[in-house]
N, C-alpha and C. Protein backbone atom coordinates (compact mmCIF):
# COMPACT_ATOMS: atom_id res chain seq x y z
N MET A 1 104.07 117.17 146.61
CA MET A 1 103.66 116.75 145.58
C MET A 1 104.66 116.77 144.25
N GLN A 2 105.35 117.70 144.35
CA GLN A 2 106.38 117.97 143.26
C GLN A 2 106.74 116.80 142.73
N ASP A 3 107.62 115.93 143.70
CA ASP A 3 108.37 114.32 142.75
C ASP A 3 107.38 113.39 142.69
N LYS A 4 106.22 113.56 142.92
CA LYS A 4 105.07 112.64 142.41
C LYS A 4 104.69 113.03 140.99
N LYS A 5 104.61 114.26 140.53
CA LYS A 5 104.42 114.89 139.26
C LYS A 5 105.52 114.57 138.58
N ALA A 6 106.89 114.92 139.05
CA ALA A 6 108.06 114.55 138.29
C ALA A 6 107.88 113.25 137.94
N GLU A 7 107.72 112.06 138.58
CA GLU A 7 107.84 111.16 138.39
C GLU A 7 106.80 110.41 137.48
N LEU A 8 105.38 111.10 137.84
CA LEU A 8 104.18 110.77 136.47
C LEU A 8 104.69 111.15 135.24
N PHE A 9 104.84 112.40 135.11
CA PHE A 9 104.88 113.00 133.46
C PHE A 9 106.27 113.14 133.20
N ARG A 10 107.45 111.90 133.95
CA ARG A 10 108.76 111.46 133.18
C ARG A 10 108.48 110.96 131.84
N SER A 11 107.27 109.86 131.67
CA SER A 11 107.03 109.33 130.61
C SER A 11 106.34 109.99 129.48
N LEU A 12 106.00 110.97 129.60
CA LEU A 12 105.17 111.61 128.68
C LEU A 12 105.81 111.61 127.32
N SER A 13 106.75 111.69 126.80
CA SER A 13 107.36 111.98 125.74
C SER A 13 107.53 110.63 125.20
N GLU A 14 107.17 109.43 125.66
CA GLU A 14 107.13 108.38 125.19
C GLU A 14 106.07 108.27 124.17
N PHE A 15 104.82 109.05 124.07
CA PHE A 15 103.18 109.00 123.82
C PHE A 15 103.71 109.73 122.23
N LYS A 16 104.85 110.59 122.09
CA LYS A 16 105.01 111.15 121.03
C LYS A 16 105.29 110.42 119.58
N LYS A 17 104.03 111.03 118.46
CA LYS A 17 104.68 110.05 117.29
C LYS A 17 105.76 110.80 116.49
N PRO A 18 106.60 109.55 116.29
CA PRO A 18 107.78 109.83 115.36
C PRO A 18 107.87 110.85 114.58
N GLY A 19 108.57 112.27 114.27
CA GLY A 19 108.71 113.35 113.60
C GLY A 19 107.27 114.26 113.88
N LYS A 20 106.62 114.21 114.91
CA LYS A 20 105.51 115.18 115.46
C LYS A 20 106.17 116.01 116.52
N GLN A 21 105.12 116.76 116.54
CA GLN A 21 105.10 117.32 117.70
C GLN A 21 104.06 116.62 119.02
N LEU A 22 104.77 116.77 120.26
CA LEU A 22 103.66 115.92 121.34
C LEU A 22 102.80 116.89 121.49
N THR A 23 101.24 116.21 121.60
CA THR A 23 100.03 117.55 121.46
C THR A 23 99.66 117.02 122.91
N VAL A 24 99.76 117.67 124.11
CA VAL A 24 98.99 117.56 125.41
C VAL A 24 98.03 118.59 125.86
N LEU A 25 96.97 117.44 125.98
CA LEU A 25 95.65 118.18 126.53
C LEU A 25 95.61 118.51 128.00
N GLU A 26 95.14 119.07 128.78
CA GLU A 26 95.31 119.20 129.99
C GLU A 26 93.93 119.61 130.52
N ILE A 27 92.81 118.63 131.41
CA ILE A 27 91.40 119.11 132.07
C ILE A 27 91.67 120.04 132.97
N GLY A 28 90.94 120.95 133.05
CA GLY A 28 91.13 121.61 134.39
C GLY A 28 92.61 122.24 134.53
N CYS A 29 93.16 122.89 133.69
CA CYS A 29 94.27 123.35 133.86
C CYS A 29 94.52 124.03 134.84
N GLY A 30 93.81 124.98 135.51
CA GLY A 30 93.81 126.04 136.39
C GLY A 30 94.88 127.31 135.85
N THR A 31 95.81 127.14 136.76
CA THR A 31 97.00 128.43 136.27
C THR A 31 98.06 127.90 135.87
N GLY A 32 98.08 126.75 135.43
CA GLY A 32 99.17 126.06 135.23
C GLY A 32 100.34 125.32 135.16
N THR A 33 99.89 124.64 136.79
CA THR A 33 101.12 124.14 137.53
C THR A 33 101.81 123.07 136.71
N ASN A 34 101.47 122.25 136.28
CA ASN A 34 102.22 121.38 135.63
C ASN A 34 102.64 121.58 134.49
N PHE A 35 102.77 122.83 133.83
CA PHE A 35 103.63 122.72 132.73
C PHE A 35 104.80 122.91 133.09
N LYS A 36 105.60 122.97 134.32
CA LYS A 36 106.91 122.89 134.27
C LYS A 36 107.39 121.21 133.89
N TYR A 37 106.33 120.61 134.50
CA TYR A 37 107.23 119.05 133.92
C TYR A 37 106.75 118.53 132.55
N TYR A 38 106.28 119.25 131.64
CA TYR A 38 106.14 118.69 130.62
C TYR A 38 107.21 118.90 129.61
N PRO A 39 107.48 118.25 128.75
CA PRO A 39 108.67 118.10 127.71
C PRO A 39 108.85 119.18 126.95
N THR A 40 110.06 119.57 126.71
CA THR A 40 110.40 120.76 125.82
C THR A 40 109.92 120.65 124.28
N GLY A 41 109.49 121.68 123.81
CA GLY A 41 108.30 121.35 122.50
C GLY A 41 107.36 120.67 122.46
N CYS A 42 106.77 120.84 123.44
CA CYS A 42 105.22 119.95 123.31
C CYS A 42 104.64 121.09 123.35
N LYS A 43 103.12 120.77 122.43
CA LYS A 43 102.04 121.96 121.97
C LYS A 43 101.12 121.72 123.18
N VAL A 44 100.40 122.47 123.92
CA VAL A 44 99.25 122.48 125.22
C VAL A 44 98.20 122.97 124.82
N VAL A 45 96.94 122.36 124.85
CA VAL A 45 96.27 122.70 124.78
C VAL A 45 95.38 122.78 126.38
N CYS A 46 94.92 123.51 126.72
CA CYS A 46 94.38 124.25 127.94
C CYS A 46 92.95 123.89 127.68
N THR A 47 92.21 123.18 128.63
CA THR A 47 90.53 123.48 128.88
C THR A 47 90.53 123.63 130.52
N ASP A 48 89.76 124.21 130.50
CA ASP A 48 89.00 124.52 131.96
C ASP A 48 87.27 125.23 131.96
N PRO A 49 86.68 125.17 132.74
CA PRO A 49 85.25 125.84 132.94
C PRO A 49 85.64 127.16 133.35
N ASN A 50 86.54 127.55 134.37
CA ASN A 50 86.35 129.27 134.33
C ASN A 50 87.38 129.63 133.35
N PRO A 51 86.29 130.67 132.77
CA PRO A 51 87.40 131.39 131.91
C PRO A 51 88.21 132.23 132.12
N ASN A 52 87.88 132.81 133.74
CA ASN A 52 89.31 133.89 134.53
C ASN A 52 90.26 132.95 134.33
N PHE A 53 90.71 131.56 134.22
CA PHE A 53 92.09 131.07 134.76
C PHE A 53 92.74 131.45 133.02
N GLN A 54 92.14 131.84 132.14
CA GLN A 54 93.33 132.00 130.99
C GLN A 54 94.01 133.27 131.03
N LYS A 55 93.70 134.66 131.96
CA LYS A 55 94.55 135.42 132.24
C LYS A 55 96.05 134.75 132.86
N TYR A 56 95.43 133.86 133.75
CA TYR A 56 97.04 133.62 134.38
C TYR A 56 97.74 132.42 133.98
N LEU A 57 96.77 131.66 132.61
CA LEU A 57 97.76 130.86 131.90
C LEU A 57 98.94 131.70 130.98
N LYS A 58 98.59 132.98 130.65
CA LYS A 58 99.26 133.63 130.43
C LYS A 58 100.31 133.97 130.89
N THR A 59 100.44 134.39 132.10
CA THR A 59 101.67 134.38 133.05
C THR A 59 102.60 133.35 132.81
N CYS A 60 101.71 131.76 133.10
CA CYS A 60 102.50 130.50 133.54
C CYS A 60 102.79 130.23 132.12
N MET A 61 102.37 130.40 130.91
CA MET A 61 103.12 130.31 129.41
C MET A 61 104.28 131.21 129.66
N ALA A 62 104.18 132.15 129.73
CA ALA A 62 105.58 132.93 129.62
C ALA A 62 106.65 132.64 130.25
N GLU A 63 106.08 131.78 131.23
CA GLU A 63 107.77 131.44 132.34
C GLU A 63 107.99 130.19 131.94
N ASN A 64 106.98 129.47 131.00
CA ASN A 64 107.38 128.09 130.39
C ASN A 64 107.55 128.04 129.15
N ASP A 65 108.28 128.89 128.54
CA ASP A 65 108.53 129.19 127.06
C ASP A 65 108.93 128.21 125.86
N GLN A 66 109.51 126.90 126.99
CA GLN A 66 110.06 125.75 126.31
C GLN A 66 108.89 125.09 125.52
N LEU A 67 107.44 125.45 126.00
CA LEU A 67 106.38 124.80 125.26
C LEU A 67 105.69 125.59 124.20
N THR A 68 104.65 125.06 123.43
CA THR A 68 103.76 125.98 122.76
C THR A 68 102.51 125.97 122.96
N TYR A 69 102.15 127.12 123.26
CA TYR A 69 100.82 127.13 123.85
C TYR A 69 99.55 127.40 122.31
N GLU A 70 98.60 126.52 122.45
CA GLU A 70 97.70 126.45 121.05
C GLU A 70 96.63 127.07 121.43
N LYS A 71 95.94 126.74 122.75
CA LYS A 71 94.83 127.28 122.78
C LYS A 71 94.08 126.99 123.92
N PHE A 72 93.18 127.78 124.62
CA PHE A 72 92.47 128.25 125.96
C PHE A 72 91.19 127.68 125.70
N VAL A 73 90.75 126.63 125.59
CA VAL A 73 89.06 126.20 125.73
C VAL A 73 88.37 125.92 126.78
N VAL A 74 87.15 126.90 126.96
CA VAL A 74 86.35 126.56 128.36
C VAL A 74 85.49 125.55 128.15
N ALA A 75 85.80 124.77 128.80
CA ALA A 75 85.23 123.42 128.72
C ALA A 75 85.18 122.73 130.10
N SER A 76 83.96 121.77 130.45
CA SER A 76 84.35 120.96 131.43
C SER A 76 84.70 119.24 130.82
N GLY A 77 85.05 118.84 131.76
CA GLY A 77 85.92 117.59 131.43
C GLY A 77 84.75 116.45 130.96
N GLU A 78 83.70 116.85 130.94
CA GLU A 78 82.14 116.46 130.67
C GLU A 78 82.03 116.16 129.28
N ASP A 79 82.34 117.59 128.75
CA ASP A 79 81.85 117.99 127.59
C ASP A 79 82.64 118.65 126.90
N MET A 80 83.96 118.36 125.81
CA MET A 80 85.12 118.79 125.10
C MET A 80 84.77 118.76 123.92
N GLY A 81 83.43 118.94 123.42
CA GLY A 81 82.89 118.68 122.15
C GLY A 81 83.72 119.86 120.77
N SER A 82 84.47 120.80 121.41
CA SER A 82 85.32 121.64 120.48
C SER A 82 86.41 121.00 120.25
N VAL A 83 87.04 119.86 121.06
CA VAL A 83 87.84 119.27 120.91
C VAL A 83 88.05 118.20 119.51
N GLU A 84 88.58 118.38 118.59
CA GLU A 84 88.88 117.05 117.71
C GLU A 84 88.66 115.74 118.14
N ASP A 85 87.95 114.74 117.66
CA ASP A 85 88.44 113.29 117.88
C ASP A 85 89.84 113.05 117.92
N GLU A 86 90.46 112.08 118.45
CA GLU A 86 91.51 111.35 118.18
C GLU A 86 92.59 112.48 117.95
N SER A 87 92.72 113.86 118.51
CA SER A 87 93.40 115.02 117.85
C SER A 87 94.83 115.06 118.92
N VAL A 88 94.86 114.38 119.93
CA VAL A 88 96.10 114.55 121.11
C VAL A 88 96.51 113.47 121.54
N ASP A 89 98.00 113.67 121.82
CA ASP A 89 98.47 112.75 122.10
C ASP A 89 98.80 111.99 123.54
N VAL A 90 98.08 112.85 124.41
CA VAL A 90 98.25 112.81 125.30
C VAL A 90 97.14 113.55 126.41
N VAL A 91 96.47 113.31 127.27
CA VAL A 91 95.40 114.01 128.18
C VAL A 91 96.11 113.98 129.71
N VAL A 92 96.15 115.12 130.33
CA VAL A 92 96.64 115.34 132.04
C VAL A 92 95.25 115.54 132.59
N CYS A 93 95.03 115.19 133.63
CA CYS A 93 94.54 115.29 134.90
C CYS A 93 94.95 115.41 136.15
N THR A 94 95.08 116.33 136.94
CA THR A 94 95.28 116.09 138.29
C THR A 94 94.45 116.75 139.09
N LEU A 95 94.25 116.07 139.74
CA LEU A 95 93.22 116.76 141.15
C LEU A 95 91.93 117.45 140.28
N VAL A 96 91.19 116.77 139.50
CA VAL A 96 90.29 117.20 138.68
C VAL A 96 89.25 116.17 138.59
N LEU A 97 89.19 115.01 138.57
CA LEU A 97 88.56 114.17 138.67
C LEU A 97 87.43 113.86 140.19
N CYS A 98 87.85 114.64 141.15
CA CYS A 98 87.09 114.63 142.29
C CYS A 98 85.97 115.75 142.38
N SER A 99 85.99 116.39 141.52
CA SER A 99 84.87 117.59 141.35
C SER A 99 84.37 117.39 140.00
N VAL A 100 84.27 116.62 139.30
CA VAL A 100 83.62 116.60 137.91
C VAL A 100 82.36 116.36 137.97
N ASN A 101 81.04 116.33 137.39
CA ASN A 101 79.66 116.02 138.12
C ASN A 101 80.05 114.30 137.29
N ASP A 102 80.36 113.90 136.52
CA ASP A 102 80.31 112.85 135.59
C ASP A 102 81.37 112.00 135.30
N ILE A 103 82.38 111.51 136.14
CA ILE A 103 83.43 110.65 135.60
C ILE A 103 83.55 109.94 135.00
N THR A 104 82.23 109.07 134.52
CA THR A 104 82.25 108.23 133.27
C THR A 104 82.16 108.63 131.92
N GLN A 105 81.32 109.99 131.99
CA GLN A 105 81.62 110.88 130.65
C GLN A 105 83.15 111.76 130.32
N THR A 106 83.53 112.13 131.49
CA THR A 106 85.04 112.92 131.49
C THR A 106 85.77 111.43 130.85
N LEU A 107 85.73 110.43 131.24
CA LEU A 107 86.69 109.36 130.79
C LEU A 107 86.46 109.27 129.30
N ARG A 108 84.87 109.09 128.99
CA ARG A 108 84.43 108.86 127.43
C ARG A 108 84.99 110.18 126.58
N GLU A 109 84.94 111.32 127.04
CA GLU A 109 85.69 112.50 126.40
C GLU A 109 87.20 112.24 126.23
N VAL A 110 87.75 111.33 127.40
CA VAL A 110 89.30 111.37 127.07
C VAL A 110 89.68 110.34 125.98
N HIS A 111 88.79 109.52 126.01
CA HIS A 111 89.13 108.46 124.81
C HIS A 111 88.51 109.06 123.57
N ARG A 112 87.85 109.64 123.50
CA ARG A 112 87.11 110.17 122.29
C ARG A 112 88.48 110.93 121.51
N ILE A 113 89.01 112.21 122.31
CA ILE A 113 89.81 112.98 122.14
C ILE A 113 91.19 112.68 121.88
N LEU A 114 91.73 111.66 122.62
CA LEU A 114 93.03 110.59 122.35
C LEU A 114 93.21 109.82 121.06
N ARG A 115 94.13 110.20 120.39
CA ARG A 115 94.60 109.32 119.50
C ARG A 115 95.07 108.00 119.75
N PRO A 116 94.66 106.68 118.98
CA PRO A 116 95.33 105.77 118.79
C PRO A 116 96.50 105.44 119.55
N GLY A 117 96.70 104.72 120.47
CA GLY A 117 97.96 104.71 121.29
C GLY A 117 98.30 105.56 122.37
N GLY A 118 97.45 106.78 121.94
CA GLY A 118 97.64 107.79 122.92
C GLY A 118 97.19 107.42 124.32
N ALA A 119 98.09 108.59 125.52
CA ALA A 119 97.89 108.14 126.88
C ALA A 119 97.29 109.36 127.99
N PHE A 120 96.10 108.86 128.66
CA PHE A 120 95.50 109.67 129.63
C PHE A 120 96.90 109.51 131.10
N PHE A 121 97.17 110.68 131.54
CA PHE A 121 98.08 110.84 132.81
C PHE A 121 97.13 111.30 133.97
N PHE A 122 96.99 110.92 135.12
CA PHE A 122 96.37 111.25 136.29
C PHE A 122 96.90 111.13 137.28
N LEU A 123 96.56 111.69 138.18
CA LEU A 123 97.29 111.95 139.59
C LEU A 123 95.94 112.59 140.27
N GLU A 124 94.98 111.90 141.07
CA GLU A 124 93.42 112.23 141.88
C GLU A 124 93.66 111.85 143.34
N HIS A 125 93.31 112.61 143.90
CA HIS A 125 92.81 112.02 145.69
C HIS A 125 91.56 110.99 145.57
N VAL A 126 91.75 110.12 146.74
CA VAL A 126 90.53 109.35 146.26
C VAL A 126 90.09 108.92 148.03
N VAL A 127 89.20 108.05 147.83
CA VAL A 127 88.46 107.74 149.62
C VAL A 127 89.96 106.43 149.88
N ALA A 128 89.63 106.75 151.50
CA ALA A 128 90.94 105.47 151.79
C ALA A 128 90.31 104.63 151.78
N ASP A 129 90.73 103.65 152.28
CA ASP A 129 90.81 102.15 152.55
C ASP A 129 89.64 102.25 153.54
N PRO A 130 88.40 101.48 153.87
CA PRO A 130 87.11 101.20 154.44
C PRO A 130 87.66 100.75 155.99
N SER A 131 88.86 100.47 156.40
CA SER A 131 89.28 99.91 157.58
C SER A 131 89.88 101.09 158.15
N THR A 132 90.14 102.56 158.13
CA THR A 132 91.10 103.57 158.32
C THR A 132 89.80 104.38 159.13
N TRP A 133 90.45 105.17 159.90
CA TRP A 133 89.92 106.26 160.64
C TRP A 133 89.91 107.54 159.28
N VAL A 134 90.55 107.55 158.17
CA VAL A 134 90.69 108.38 157.29
C VAL A 134 89.69 108.00 156.63
N TYR A 135 89.22 107.16 156.28
CA TYR A 135 87.44 106.68 155.40
C TYR A 135 86.47 107.52 156.31
N PHE A 136 86.50 107.06 157.63
CA PHE A 136 85.57 107.31 158.59
C PHE A 136 85.21 108.94 158.43
N PHE A 137 86.53 110.02 158.79
CA PHE A 137 86.67 111.45 158.78
C PHE A 137 86.05 111.65 157.21
N GLN A 138 86.54 110.98 156.19
CA GLN A 138 86.48 111.63 154.75
C GLN A 138 85.00 111.78 154.96
N HIS A 139 84.20 110.57 155.29
CA HIS A 139 82.96 110.64 155.26
C HIS A 139 82.46 111.62 156.20
N VAL A 140 82.48 111.60 157.23
CA VAL A 140 81.91 112.44 158.16
C VAL A 140 82.14 114.34 157.60
N LEU A 141 83.36 114.25 157.10
CA LEU A 141 83.50 115.73 156.83
C LEU A 141 83.19 116.38 155.05
N GLN A 142 82.58 115.25 154.44
CA GLN A 142 82.44 115.29 152.96
C GLN A 142 81.37 116.51 152.72
N PRO A 143 80.16 117.07 153.68
CA PRO A 143 79.35 117.70 152.96
C PRO A 143 80.05 118.98 153.43
N ALA A 144 81.02 119.45 154.76
CA ALA A 144 81.84 120.60 154.54
C ALA A 144 82.84 120.93 153.45
N TRP A 145 83.21 120.01 153.25
CA TRP A 145 84.46 119.42 152.27
C TRP A 145 83.49 119.95 150.70
N TYR A 146 83.01 119.65 150.46
CA TYR A 146 82.31 119.88 149.16
C TYR A 146 81.88 121.44 149.02
N TYR A 147 81.36 121.77 149.93
CA TYR A 147 80.80 123.13 149.95
C TYR A 147 82.36 123.80 150.38
N PHE A 148 83.15 123.73 151.07
CA PHE A 148 84.19 124.72 150.89
C PHE A 148 85.68 124.50 149.87
N GLY A 149 85.43 123.29 149.45
CA GLY A 149 86.09 122.36 148.39
C GLY A 149 86.00 122.77 147.09
N ASP A 150 84.65 123.65 146.75
CA ASP A 150 84.28 124.19 145.48
C ASP A 150 84.02 122.72 144.64
N GLY A 151 83.10 122.08 145.29
CA GLY A 151 82.35 120.55 144.58
C GLY A 151 83.65 119.45 144.71
N CYS A 152 84.41 119.71 145.49
CA CYS A 152 85.39 118.53 145.32
C CYS A 152 84.89 117.68 146.29
N GLU A 153 84.59 116.03 145.96
CA GLU A 153 84.33 114.98 146.75
C GLU A 153 85.69 114.00 147.19
N VAL A 154 85.73 113.93 148.48
CA VAL A 154 86.71 112.85 148.76
C VAL A 154 86.60 111.50 148.97
N THR A 155 85.31 111.50 148.83
CA THR A 155 84.92 110.04 148.80
C THR A 155 84.99 108.97 147.70
N ARG A 156 85.72 109.51 146.68
CA ARG A 156 85.27 108.61 145.36
C ARG A 156 86.02 107.84 145.47
N GLU A 157 85.63 106.65 144.55
CA GLU A 157 86.47 105.37 144.26
C GLU A 157 87.27 105.75 142.56
N THR A 158 87.60 106.53 142.24
CA THR A 158 88.10 106.85 140.94
C THR A 158 88.79 105.81 140.37
N TRP A 159 89.64 105.11 140.95
CA TRP A 159 90.28 104.09 140.13
C TRP A 159 89.08 102.83 139.71
N LYS A 160 87.87 102.67 140.40
CA LYS A 160 86.81 101.62 139.77
C LYS A 160 86.71 102.24 138.20
N TYR A 161 86.20 103.85 138.42
CA TYR A 161 86.13 104.06 136.99
C TYR A 161 86.86 104.04 135.90
N LEU A 162 88.34 104.20 136.42
CA LEU A 162 89.49 103.68 135.61
C LEU A 162 89.70 102.58 134.63
N GLU A 163 89.56 101.45 135.55
CA GLU A 163 89.57 100.40 135.32
C GLU A 163 88.33 99.99 134.21
N SER A 164 87.18 100.46 134.23
CA SER A 164 86.22 99.88 133.57
C SER A 164 86.08 101.04 132.52
N ALA A 165 87.08 101.91 131.87
CA ALA A 165 86.61 102.74 130.72
C ALA A 165 87.16 102.46 129.51
N GLY A 166 87.72 101.19 129.50
CA GLY A 166 87.61 100.56 128.00
C GLY A 166 89.24 101.18 127.81
N PHE A 167 90.33 101.45 128.48
CA PHE A 167 91.51 101.76 127.99
C PHE A 167 92.76 100.34 127.76
N SER A 168 93.07 100.27 127.08
CA SER A 168 94.12 98.76 126.55
C SER A 168 95.02 98.53 127.69
N ASP A 169 95.50 99.37 127.88
CA ASP A 169 96.34 99.24 128.92
C ASP A 169 96.20 100.09 130.41
N LEU A 170 96.38 99.96 131.82
CA LEU A 170 95.96 100.77 132.75
C LEU A 170 97.39 100.60 133.76
N LYS A 171 97.99 101.72 133.82
CA LYS A 171 99.49 101.34 135.34
C LYS A 171 98.66 102.45 136.08
N LEU A 172 98.20 101.75 137.29
CA LEU A 172 97.90 102.31 138.43
C LEU A 172 98.16 102.08 139.61
N ARG A 173 98.49 102.76 140.15
CA ARG A 173 99.19 102.58 141.55
C ARG A 173 98.59 103.54 142.92
N HIS A 174 98.41 103.16 144.40
CA HIS A 174 97.63 103.80 144.95
C HIS A 174 98.99 104.37 145.85
N VAL A 175 98.91 105.65 145.83
CA VAL A 175 100.32 106.38 146.69
C VAL A 175 99.50 107.18 148.09
N GLU A 176 100.60 107.49 149.18
CA GLU A 176 100.05 108.78 149.97
C GLU A 176 100.70 109.86 149.77
N ALA A 177 99.85 110.79 149.54
CA ALA A 177 100.59 112.29 149.26
C ALA A 177 101.03 113.02 150.64
N PRO A 178 102.18 113.96 150.55
CA PRO A 178 102.16 114.33 152.03
C PRO A 178 101.48 115.50 151.78
N LEU A 179 99.75 115.60 152.26
CA LEU A 179 99.01 116.33 152.68
C LEU A 179 98.11 116.50 153.65
N VAL A 180 96.99 116.81 154.25
CA VAL A 180 96.27 116.84 154.76
C VAL A 180 95.90 115.35 155.05
N PHE A 181 95.55 115.15 156.11
CA PHE A 181 94.88 113.30 156.11
C PHE A 181 94.07 113.16 155.19
N ILE A 182 92.78 114.10 155.42
CA ILE A 182 91.75 113.71 154.45
C ILE A 182 91.94 113.56 153.19
N ILE A 183 92.98 114.35 152.22
CA ILE A 183 93.09 113.72 151.18
C ILE A 183 94.65 113.26 150.77
N LYS A 184 95.06 112.42 151.81
CA LYS A 184 96.11 111.80 151.65
C LYS A 184 96.01 110.95 150.81
N PRO A 185 94.93 109.86 150.68
CA PRO A 185 95.10 108.62 149.99
C PRO A 185 95.05 109.20 148.60
N HIS A 186 95.93 108.73 147.32
CA HIS A 186 95.75 109.34 145.81
C HIS A 186 96.33 108.02 144.87
N ILE A 187 95.82 108.36 143.63
CA ILE A 187 96.04 107.17 142.88
C ILE A 187 96.81 107.95 141.36
N MET A 188 97.36 107.49 141.03
CA MET A 188 98.31 108.06 139.89
C MET A 188 99.08 107.00 138.77
N GLY A 189 98.80 107.61 137.85
CA GLY A 189 99.44 106.74 136.40
C GLY A 189 98.78 107.23 135.44
N PHE A 190 98.96 106.30 134.11
CA PHE A 190 98.49 106.42 133.23
C PHE A 190 97.91 105.29 132.57
N ALA A 191 96.76 105.58 131.38
CA ALA A 191 96.12 104.74 130.82
C ALA A 191 96.17 105.19 129.29
N VAL A 192 96.26 103.80 128.56
CA VAL A 192 96.60 103.95 127.33
C VAL A 192 95.18 103.39 126.15
N LYS A 193 95.12 104.58 125.28
CA LYS A 193 93.91 103.96 124.88
C LYS A 193 94.18 102.89 123.44
């Protein structure tokens, strides 16, 4: 997955306003595994519904001293009310939309906090093509996967939510990840406000 993430995040800097520091907000930042892909000098705002991740972020931020760590916000993707409107250049979301309660509301929040011309970068696993065995097994295994995967739903058609979220431009492609078959189908790309 590292090559997919490196490819995805290569264009983050294009959304920096001239003469300003790039501000990136990551939804569901977890332990900060994406930080190594962020451009030098950018400011990072981290959100996660689990407050315990903050202690792991401190270690990760120390290892990624090319970044400026602004703050950690305990929040779900659906309710980032403590983040100001139009306050960030880029929102990043990787392997999170599979477990939020309301994708539509999460994308509304992304739209609200992005500045005009800002971008939403995503890498998410999705449901397979209905004509495949993977699709069949995703549906058979979904109840157990949800339980053991901390609320993860492998049967989501996340691209449809992105297509109808009101972004001015959407660059999305379907890719196969080098992972276990049930989560091989992914989408990646970015959407511009």
